[in-house]
Protein backbone atom coordinates (compact mmCIF):
# COMPACT_ATOMS: atom_id res chain seq x y z
CA UNK A 1 167.96 11.25 25.81
CA UNK A 2 171.01 10.94 25.54
CA UNK A 3 171.97 9.06 29.26
CA UNK A 4 168.85 6.94 28.32
CA UNK A 5 171.14 5.66 25.05
CA UNK A 6 173.96 4.95 26.82
CA UNK A 7 172.17 2.63 28.93
CA UNK A 8 170.26 1.10 26.02
CA UNK A 9 173.64 0.32 24.37
CA UNK A 10 174.99 -0.77 27.65
CA UNK A 11 172.32 -3.30 28.49
CA UNK A 12 172.74 -4.65 24.75
CA UNK A 13 176.34 -5.42 24.93
CA UNK A 14 176.30 -7.63 28.47
CA UNK A 15 173.29 -9.36 26.57
CA UNK A 16 175.45 -8.99 23.60
CA UNK A 17 178.45 -11.20 25.54
CA UNK A 18 175.82 -12.86 27.76
CA UNK A 19 174.83 -14.77 24.61
CA UNK A 20 178.24 -15.35 22.71
CA UNK A 21 179.63 -17.13 25.72
CA UNK A 22 175.89 -18.94 25.48
CA UNK A 23 176.51 -19.86 22.09
CA UNK A 24 180.64 -20.55 22.72
CA UNK A 25 179.87 -22.72 25.55
CA UNK A 26 177.11 -24.92 23.39
CA UNK A 27 179.23 -25.33 20.34
CA UNK A 28 182.17 -27.30 22.70
CA UNK A 29 182.07 -30.33 20.26
CA UNK A 30 182.95 -32.83 23.77
CA UNK A 31 180.08 -31.51 25.52
CA UNK A 32 177.45 -32.15 22.19
CA UNK A 33 178.77 -35.26 22.02
CA UNK A 34 178.40 -35.54 25.59
CA UNK A 35 175.18 -34.79 25.45
CA UNK A 36 173.52 -37.07 22.13
CA UNK A 37 175.97 -40.33 23.76
CA UNK A 38 173.78 -40.01 26.93
CA UNK A 39 170.64 -40.05 25.24
CA UNK A 40 171.13 -42.07 23.07
CA UNK A 41 173.35 -44.97 25.10
CA UNK A 42 170.41 -44.43 28.45
CA UNK A 43 174.13 -43.97 30.52
CA UNK A 44 177.42 -42.20 31.21
CA UNK A 45 178.87 -45.53 32.04
CA UNK A 46 181.34 -45.53 29.11
CA UNK A 47 182.67 -41.95 29.97
CA UNK A 48 185.49 -42.05 32.76
CA UNK A 49 186.65 -38.49 34.54
CA UNK A 50 190.78 -38.61 34.66
CA UNK A 51 191.50 -36.66 38.79
CA UNK A 52 194.53 -34.30 38.43
CA UNK A 53 195.36 -36.04 42.14
CA UNK A 54 195.51 -39.45 40.84
CA UNK A 55 198.97 -37.89 38.99
CA UNK A 56 200.28 -37.54 42.75
CA UNK A 57 199.69 -40.88 44.37
CA UNK A 58 200.85 -44.77 43.04
CA UNK A 59 198.80 -46.80 41.11
CA UNK A 60 196.00 -49.22 43.86
CA UNK A 61 198.94 -52.56 43.63
CA UNK A 62 199.56 -55.78 45.40
CA UNK A 63 202.93 -56.77 45.74
CA UNK A 64 204.84 -59.23 44.02
CA UNK A 65 206.62 -60.72 47.41
CA UNK A 66 210.04 -59.85 46.29
CA UNK A 67 211.08 -56.42 46.98
CA UNK A 68 213.04 -56.38 43.64
CA UNK A 69 210.54 -56.28 41.23
CA UNK A 70 208.35 -54.24 42.59
CA UNK A 71 210.75 -51.98 42.01
CA UNK A 72 210.96 -52.53 38.44
CA UNK A 73 207.43 -52.39 37.41
CA UNK A 74 207.27 -49.50 38.99
CA UNK A 75 209.23 -48.34 42.30
CA UNK A 76 211.42 -45.47 40.72
CA UNK A 77 210.00 -42.53 41.64
CA UNK A 78 208.97 -39.87 38.51
CA UNK A 79 209.49 -37.04 38.27
CA UNK A 80 206.93 -36.10 41.18
CA UNK A 81 208.66 -37.74 43.41
CA UNK A 82 205.78 -40.83 42.78
CA UNK A 83 206.70 -44.37 42.28
CA UNK A 84 203.96 -45.38 39.31
CA UNK A 85 202.94 -48.16 40.14
CA UNK A 86 205.21 -50.84 42.94
CA UNK A 87 203.95 -54.18 42.34
CA UNK A 88 200.84 -55.89 40.27
CA UNK A 89 198.59 -52.99 39.76
CA UNK A 90 194.74 -54.04 39.79
CA UNK A 91 192.19 -54.18 37.93
CA UNK A 92 194.61 -54.89 34.63
CA UNK A 93 196.47 -57.91 32.79
CA UNK A 94 200.31 -59.08 34.17
CA UNK A 95 201.85 -61.71 31.36
CA UNK A 96 204.70 -63.76 33.10
CA UNK A 97 206.62 -66.31 30.70
CA UNK A 98 210.14 -67.76 29.97
CA UNK A 99 211.75 -71.14 30.31
CA UNK A 100 211.19 -74.33 32.74
CA UNK A 101 212.31 -73.80 36.49
CA UNK A 102 212.53 -69.60 35.40
CA UNK A 103 210.28 -68.97 39.54
CA UNK A 104 207.26 -68.07 37.52
CA UNK A 105 205.03 -70.19 39.70
CA UNK A 106 206.77 -68.95 42.64
CA UNK A 107 206.58 -65.10 41.59
CA UNK A 108 202.74 -65.83 40.68
CA UNK A 109 202.37 -67.93 44.51
CA UNK A 110 204.41 -65.19 46.53
CA UNK A 111 202.13 -62.35 44.95
CA UNK A 112 199.38 -64.17 46.11
CA UNK A 113 200.08 -64.12 49.24
CA UNK A 114 200.85 -60.71 49.39
CA UNK A 115 197.58 -59.84 48.72
CA UNK A 116 195.87 -62.56 50.92
CA UNK A 117 197.97 -60.44 53.79
CA UNK A 118 196.99 -56.70 52.64
CA UNK A 119 193.06 -58.65 52.54
CA UNK A 120 192.24 -59.90 49.49
CA UNK A 121 190.91 -62.50 47.95
CA UNK A 122 193.06 -65.08 45.38
CA UNK A 123 191.48 -67.47 42.77
CA UNK A 124 194.03 -70.08 41.36
CA UNK A 125 193.50 -71.90 38.08
CA UNK A 126 195.97 -74.83 37.57
CA UNK A 127 195.55 -76.39 33.84
CA UNK A 128 198.77 -78.24 34.74
CA UNK A 129 197.23 -79.81 38.19
CA UNK A 130 201.11 -79.38 39.55
CA UNK A 131 200.11 -76.83 42.81
CA UNK A 132 202.13 -78.68 45.94
CA UNK A 133 200.15 -78.08 48.83
CA UNK A 134 203.68 -78.99 50.93
CA UNK A 135 204.77 -75.98 49.07
CA UNK A 136 202.07 -74.07 48.67
CA UNK A 137 201.83 -73.88 52.89
CA UNK A 138 205.76 -72.90 53.19
CA UNK A 139 205.14 -69.90 50.82
CA UNK A 140 202.29 -68.66 53.63
CA UNK A 141 199.23 -69.72 51.66
CA UNK A 142 196.30 -70.37 53.63
CA UNK A 143 195.73 -73.61 51.99
CA UNK A 144 192.56 -74.38 53.87
CA UNK A 145 191.04 -71.11 53.66
CA UNK A 146 189.27 -71.15 50.71
CA UNK A 147 187.36 -67.75 51.85
CA UNK A 148 190.38 -66.47 50.69
CA UNK A 149 192.22 -68.99 48.80
CA UNK A 150 191.00 -71.56 45.81
CA UNK A 151 192.70 -73.15 44.18
CA UNK A 152 190.72 -74.47 41.05
CA UNK A 153 192.37 -76.72 38.74
CA UNK A 154 189.66 -77.57 35.61
CA UNK A 155 190.11 -80.12 32.69
CA UNK A 156 189.52 -78.04 30.05
CA UNK A 157 190.07 -74.26 27.74
CA UNK A 158 186.35 -73.49 28.30
CA UNK A 159 185.67 -74.65 31.41
CA UNK A 160 188.96 -72.55 32.97
CA UNK A 161 187.55 -69.85 30.70
CA UNK A 162 184.25 -69.84 32.35
CA UNK A 163 186.15 -69.90 35.95
CA UNK A 164 187.41 -67.28 34.89
CA UNK A 165 185.03 -65.09 33.92
CA UNK A 166 182.67 -65.73 36.99
CA UNK A 167 185.74 -64.66 40.10
CA UNK A 168 185.96 -61.74 37.72
CA UNK A 169 182.53 -60.31 37.65
CA UNK A 170 182.30 -61.65 41.54
CA UNK A 171 185.50 -59.31 41.88
CA UNK A 172 187.73 -61.70 43.24
CA UNK A 173 190.80 -59.89 44.29
CA UNK A 174 193.67 -61.73 42.40
CA UNK A 175 193.42 -64.73 39.47
CA UNK A 176 196.41 -66.45 38.67
CA UNK A 177 196.25 -68.82 35.40
CA UNK A 178 199.01 -71.67 34.93
CA UNK A 179 199.34 -71.53 31.99
CA UNK A 180 197.35 -69.65 29.40
CA UNK A 181 199.06 -72.77 27.36
CA UNK A 182 197.92 -76.02 29.11
CA UNK A 183 194.20 -75.28 28.99
CA UNK A 184 192.68 -78.04 26.04
CA UNK A 185 189.09 -77.19 24.30
CA UNK A 186 186.67 -79.22 24.35
CA UNK A 187 186.19 -79.88 21.35
CA UNK A 188 189.64 -82.06 21.07
CA UNK A 189 188.27 -84.35 23.78
CA UNK A 190 186.25 -86.37 21.40
CA UNK A 191 188.24 -86.62 18.16
CA UNK A 192 190.93 -88.83 16.81
CA UNK A 193 194.95 -87.65 18.48
CA UNK A 194 195.51 -87.69 14.46
CA UNK A 195 192.62 -85.44 13.17
CA UNK A 196 192.98 -83.00 16.38
CA UNK A 197 197.61 -83.18 15.22
CA UNK A 198 195.99 -81.70 12.52
CA UNK A 199 193.79 -79.02 13.25
CA UNK A 200 196.78 -77.27 15.32
CA UNK A 201 195.42 -77.52 18.49
CA UNK A 202 197.64 -74.31 19.74
CA UNK A 203 196.66 -72.67 17.18
CA UNK A 204 192.87 -72.91 19.00
CA UNK A 205 194.21 -72.14 22.01
CA UNK A 206 195.17 -68.92 20.88
CA UNK A 207 192.36 -67.70 18.92
CA UNK A 208 190.50 -68.80 22.12
CA UNK A 209 192.72 -65.93 23.89
CA UNK A 210 192.31 -63.56 21.17
CA UNK A 211 188.37 -63.70 21.10
CA UNK A 212 188.32 -63.87 25.41
CA UNK A 213 190.61 -61.13 26.57
CA UNK A 214 189.19 -58.35 25.35
CA UNK A 215 185.69 -58.60 27.08
CA UNK A 216 187.68 -59.52 30.36
CA UNK A 217 189.69 -56.31 30.39
CA UNK A 218 186.64 -54.78 30.70
CA UNK A 219 185.36 -56.32 33.45
CA UNK A 220 188.56 -56.60 35.23
CA UNK A 221 188.79 -52.22 35.42
CA UNK A 222 185.79 -52.31 37.02
CA UNK A 223 186.09 -54.89 39.33
CA UNK A 224 189.85 -53.84 39.75
CA UNK A 225 191.19 -57.94 40.07
CA UNK A 226 194.00 -58.62 38.55
CA UNK A 227 194.77 -61.06 36.01
CA UNK A 228 198.42 -63.04 36.66
CA UNK A 229 199.10 -65.51 33.78
CA UNK A 230 201.60 -67.63 33.13
CA UNK A 231 202.88 -68.99 29.77
CA UNK A 232 206.17 -70.91 28.73
CA UNK A 233 208.39 -70.43 26.23
CA UNK A 234 208.27 -72.96 23.16
CA UNK A 235 210.17 -73.96 20.10
CA UNK A 236 207.89 -72.39 17.19
CA UNK A 237 206.89 -74.98 14.23
CA UNK A 238 206.70 -74.24 10.70
CA UNK A 239 209.98 -72.50 11.30
CA UNK A 240 212.14 -71.51 8.25
CA UNK A 241 216.42 -70.99 10.77
CA UNK A 242 215.41 -67.10 10.17
CA UNK A 243 213.68 -65.59 12.63
CA UNK A 244 212.61 -66.02 16.02
CA UNK A 245 212.57 -69.89 16.98
CA UNK A 246 211.02 -69.68 20.27
CA UNK A 247 207.49 -68.73 20.66
CA UNK A 248 205.25 -67.72 23.60
CA UNK A 249 202.30 -70.23 24.80
CA UNK A 250 199.16 -68.03 24.32
CA UNK A 251 199.63 -66.57 21.17
CA UNK A 252 199.32 -63.08 19.94
CA UNK A 253 196.66 -61.70 22.30
CA UNK A 254 198.66 -61.92 25.34
CA UNK A 255 201.32 -59.62 24.05
CA UNK A 256 198.07 -56.79 23.47
CA UNK A 257 196.83 -56.51 25.51
CA UNK A 258 198.60 -56.94 29.47
CA UNK A 259 199.77 -54.27 30.80
CA UNK A 260 202.41 -55.82 31.61
CA UNK A 261 204.66 -58.69 30.72
CA UNK A 262 207.87 -59.57 32.39
CA UNK A 263 209.91 -62.64 30.99
CA UNK A 264 212.23 -64.68 33.18
CA UNK A 265 215.07 -66.00 32.40
CA UNK A 266 217.92 -68.45 34.77
CA UNK A 267 221.23 -67.51 34.53
CA UNK A 268 222.91 -69.28 37.64
CA UNK A 269 222.29 -71.50 40.11
CA UNK A 270 223.15 -71.38 43.85
CA UNK A 271 224.14 -73.52 45.74
CA UNK A 272 225.35 -73.98 49.30
CA UNK A 273 227.32 -76.86 51.52
CA UNK A 274 224.47 -79.02 52.89
CA UNK A 275 224.78 -82.52 54.48
CA UNK A 276 224.67 -85.73 52.84
CA UNK A 277 223.09 -88.77 54.53
CA UNK A 278 223.74 -91.17 51.23
CA UNK A 279 227.64 -89.42 51.65
CA UNK A 280 227.96 -89.07 55.14
CA UNK A 281 229.39 -85.71 54.78
CA UNK A 282 229.30 -82.11 53.69
CA UNK A 283 228.65 -81.77 49.51
CA UNK A 284 227.65 -78.43 47.37
CA UNK A 285 224.25 -78.58 46.12
CA UNK A 286 221.75 -76.67 44.12
CA UNK A 287 219.84 -74.59 46.94
CA UNK A 288 218.16 -71.42 44.46
CA UNK A 289 219.12 -69.70 41.12
CA UNK A 290 219.76 -66.55 39.86
CA UNK A 291 217.02 -65.29 38.21
CA UNK A 292 216.85 -62.46 35.31
CA UNK A 293 213.56 -60.30 35.45
CA UNK A 294 212.98 -58.10 32.45
CA UNK A 295 209.80 -56.21 31.78
CA UNK A 296 209.40 -56.26 28.08
CA UNK A 297 206.02 -54.55 28.26
CA UNK A 298 204.52 -51.80 30.66
CA UNK A 299 202.00 -49.05 30.44
CA UNK A 300 201.59 -48.79 34.38
CA UNK A 301 205.31 -46.84 34.28
CA UNK A 302 208.81 -46.15 32.16
CA UNK A 303 210.21 -49.06 33.18
CA UNK A 304 209.76 -50.64 29.83
CA UNK A 305 212.92 -52.55 28.71
CA UNK A 306 214.92 -52.58 31.58
CA UNK A 307 215.88 -55.59 33.99
CA UNK A 308 217.53 -57.00 37.60
CA UNK A 309 218.23 -60.39 38.77
CA UNK A 310 216.56 -61.89 41.95
CA UNK A 311 217.30 -64.60 43.86
CA UNK A 312 214.92 -67.49 43.98
CA UNK A 313 215.39 -70.27 47.48
CA UNK A 314 213.94 -73.71 46.44
CA UNK A 315 211.23 -74.94 48.54
CA UNK A 316 210.85 -71.23 49.96
CA UNK A 317 210.41 -69.14 47.62
CA UNK A 318 211.65 -65.35 46.87
CA UNK A 319 214.86 -65.43 48.62
CA UNK A 320 214.37 -60.92 49.15
CA UNK A 321 217.51 -61.89 52.11
CA UNK A 322 219.35 -62.44 49.78
CA UNK A 323 218.64 -59.63 47.44
CA UNK A 324 218.98 -57.11 50.03
CA UNK A 325 222.23 -58.03 50.96
CA UNK A 326 223.48 -57.52 47.87
CA UNK A 327 222.59 -54.64 47.59
CA UNK A 328 223.91 -53.88 50.72
CA UNK A 329 227.16 -54.46 49.64
CA UNK A 330 226.75 -52.48 45.90
CA UNK A 331 226.27 -49.48 48.34
CA UNK A 332 228.64 -50.43 50.92
CA UNK A 333 226.25 -50.54 53.62
CA UNK A 334 227.88 -54.35 54.09
CA UNK A 335 231.76 -54.92 54.00
CA UNK A 336 232.47 -58.17 51.88
CA UNK A 337 236.10 -58.85 52.20
CA UNK A 338 236.79 -62.11 49.81
CA UNK A 339 234.75 -64.72 51.04
CA UNK A 340 233.85 -63.01 54.67
CA UNK A 341 230.73 -59.94 54.64
CA UNK A 342 230.76 -57.36 57.20
CA UNK A 343 227.88 -55.20 58.94
CA UNK A 344 227.46 -53.22 61.75
CA UNK A 345 223.97 -52.07 63.13
CA UNK A 346 223.21 -48.96 64.14
CA UNK A 347 224.18 -49.60 68.08
CA UNK A 348 227.47 -50.43 66.78
CA UNK A 349 227.74 -53.73 66.71
CA UNK A 350 229.63 -55.63 64.05
CA UNK A 351 228.48 -59.12 62.71
CA UNK A 352 231.01 -60.97 61.10
CA UNK A 353 230.77 -64.35 59.01
CA UNK A 354 232.03 -66.29 56.78
CA UNK A 355 230.69 -67.14 53.30
CA UNK A 356 227.27 -65.91 51.91
CA UNK A 357 225.12 -68.92 53.45
CA UNK A 358 226.86 -68.39 57.30
CA UNK A 359 225.57 -64.25 57.09
CA UNK A 360 222.70 -65.05 55.12
CA UNK A 361 221.75 -67.22 58.48
CA UNK A 362 222.57 -65.18 61.25
CA UNK A 363 219.51 -62.96 59.98
CA UNK A 364 217.13 -65.96 58.79
CA UNK A 365 215.25 -66.31 62.50
CA UNK A 366 215.77 -62.65 63.70
CA UNK A 367 213.15 -60.56 61.95
CA UNK A 368 214.27 -57.21 64.03
CA UNK A 369 217.71 -56.87 63.26
CA UNK A 370 216.42 -57.85 59.07
CA UNK A 371 214.19 -55.31 58.80
CA UNK A 372 216.45 -52.45 60.46
CA UNK A 373 219.07 -54.39 57.27
CA UNK A 374 216.06 -53.27 55.00
CA UNK A 375 215.94 -50.46 56.57
CA UNK A 376 218.99 -48.97 55.36
CA UNK A 377 218.66 -50.24 52.47
CA UNK A 378 215.75 -49.44 50.92
CA UNK A 379 216.28 -45.30 50.96
CA UNK A 380 219.66 -46.76 48.35
CA UNK A 381 216.12 -48.22 45.54
CA UNK A 382 214.75 -45.02 45.59
CA UNK A 383 211.72 -45.70 47.13
CA UNK A 384 210.16 -44.92 50.46
CA UNK A 385 208.58 -47.81 52.74
CA UNK A 386 206.07 -45.23 53.61
CA UNK A 387 204.70 -44.81 50.53
CA UNK A 388 204.56 -48.76 50.19
CA UNK A 389 202.88 -49.27 53.43
CA UNK A 390 200.24 -46.50 52.18
CA UNK A 391 199.50 -48.07 49.29
CA UNK A 392 199.30 -51.60 50.82
CA UNK A 393 197.14 -50.18 53.49
CA UNK A 394 194.45 -49.09 51.52
CA UNK A 395 190.95 -51.08 51.67
CA UNK A 396 189.59 -51.94 49.00
CA UNK A 397 186.42 -50.89 47.44
CA UNK A 398 184.59 -52.82 45.14
CA UNK A 399 181.48 -51.36 42.60
CA UNK A 400 178.65 -53.50 43.40
CA UNK A 401 175.18 -53.23 41.99
CA UNK A 402 173.93 -56.37 39.20
CA UNK A 403 176.27 -55.31 36.59
CA UNK A 404 178.98 -57.51 38.87
CA UNK A 405 176.16 -60.49 38.39
CA UNK A 406 177.03 -63.23 36.13
CA UNK A 407 174.67 -65.95 35.51
CA UNK A 408 174.76 -69.32 33.30
CA UNK A 409 173.44 -67.51 29.85
CA UNK A 410 175.55 -64.59 30.70
CA UNK A 411 178.71 -67.89 30.11
CA UNK A 412 177.81 -69.38 27.75
CA UNK A 413 177.84 -66.65 25.74
CA UNK A 414 181.36 -66.65 26.16
CA UNK A 415 181.84 -69.93 25.28
CA UNK A 416 179.65 -70.29 22.40
CA UNK A 417 181.23 -66.80 20.48
CA UNK A 418 184.57 -69.79 21.00
CA UNK A 419 185.10 -71.44 17.71
CA UNK A 420 186.16 -74.97 17.13
CA UNK A 421 186.98 -74.22 13.71
CA UNK A 422 189.22 -71.33 14.72
CA UNK A 423 192.32 -69.92 12.76
CA UNK A 424 196.07 -71.09 13.04
CA UNK A 425 197.92 -69.18 15.27
CA UNK A 426 199.66 -66.63 13.29
CA UNK A 427 203.28 -67.24 11.98
CA UNK A 428 205.88 -66.20 14.09
């Protein structure tokens, strides 16, 4: 009898423990809520599991075509030694803004080139009708291949929004909007100029983006499409002289829904001696500009608020070679004595030229020697080239299925939500 009682007590304890574990597991509020939502919503598409392994690798990105800008966005390694986002993040919105001739379109085109090189596709929506084939081809855009690069120049904001939604739904790798404030709503084409001025077209443009961007965010997160919007700065209207007198095209929505916002500002012009047939002599002429890039907002790394300088050469794009030389000088890989530049190759050969333009010219036609200089400079930027190459070599995978397809009714639903009697833009 004694043994029987003991066995009964042990069995009761085990049963009680199992029941306790079961109750504890079922009483977890997150588990209960997930189960109820799965039944109510008939799916788990709304639920995302965060993989701890993802913290040990960089986000999927496209290069901007500038080693300096890639480093600024998220190329600096974190505490785990991983550059969190060395470029334009896939599935996010990036906003470039600044004054005229600050390199916004050039950076957008170079990002397009790098995206195509990585095996992606690009749609460039040009409301300003300013893309020049000669310059685009010089930068490396395959302007004759619409399977890789498609240029769209809509006349209205409504048409551009429809194109943007369709391209994002189809899983295009990168969509560039140049510029977000240049699109004119259809409602204004059939009205007198005086009447449209009274109704504040700029306010309607901002209202359209404030309604559309939240919908776009969810779609591009699924298709891994990167959206790069270009905004120009303008003098704010109805200001009293106090506070900020400069505003950015597109309204406040671009501030809220962009994962990365960069301000571009031209701080100096670059001159070089060039022959002029008009004067029949060599004159110092402007060949480019020094641009300061400030990271105003960044949700993909800890770099927010930082800034770096890049160089843009008119007719050729971002001058990465000039940046490499400047970094080399800063770390004494390249010796600068007055106007003379000296660099010793790994083989012991001394390269010496007078003037930045002549020294730079030595590397222009020598790709292998330039790569040697880049390999010496890269470690000082604390970005391992192998990490960057691994990210760019990853095969793109888009989620398939009928949910990615769009139709006329879906587009009309998006456009119908845009009210023609929208309130004016919020005062700055």
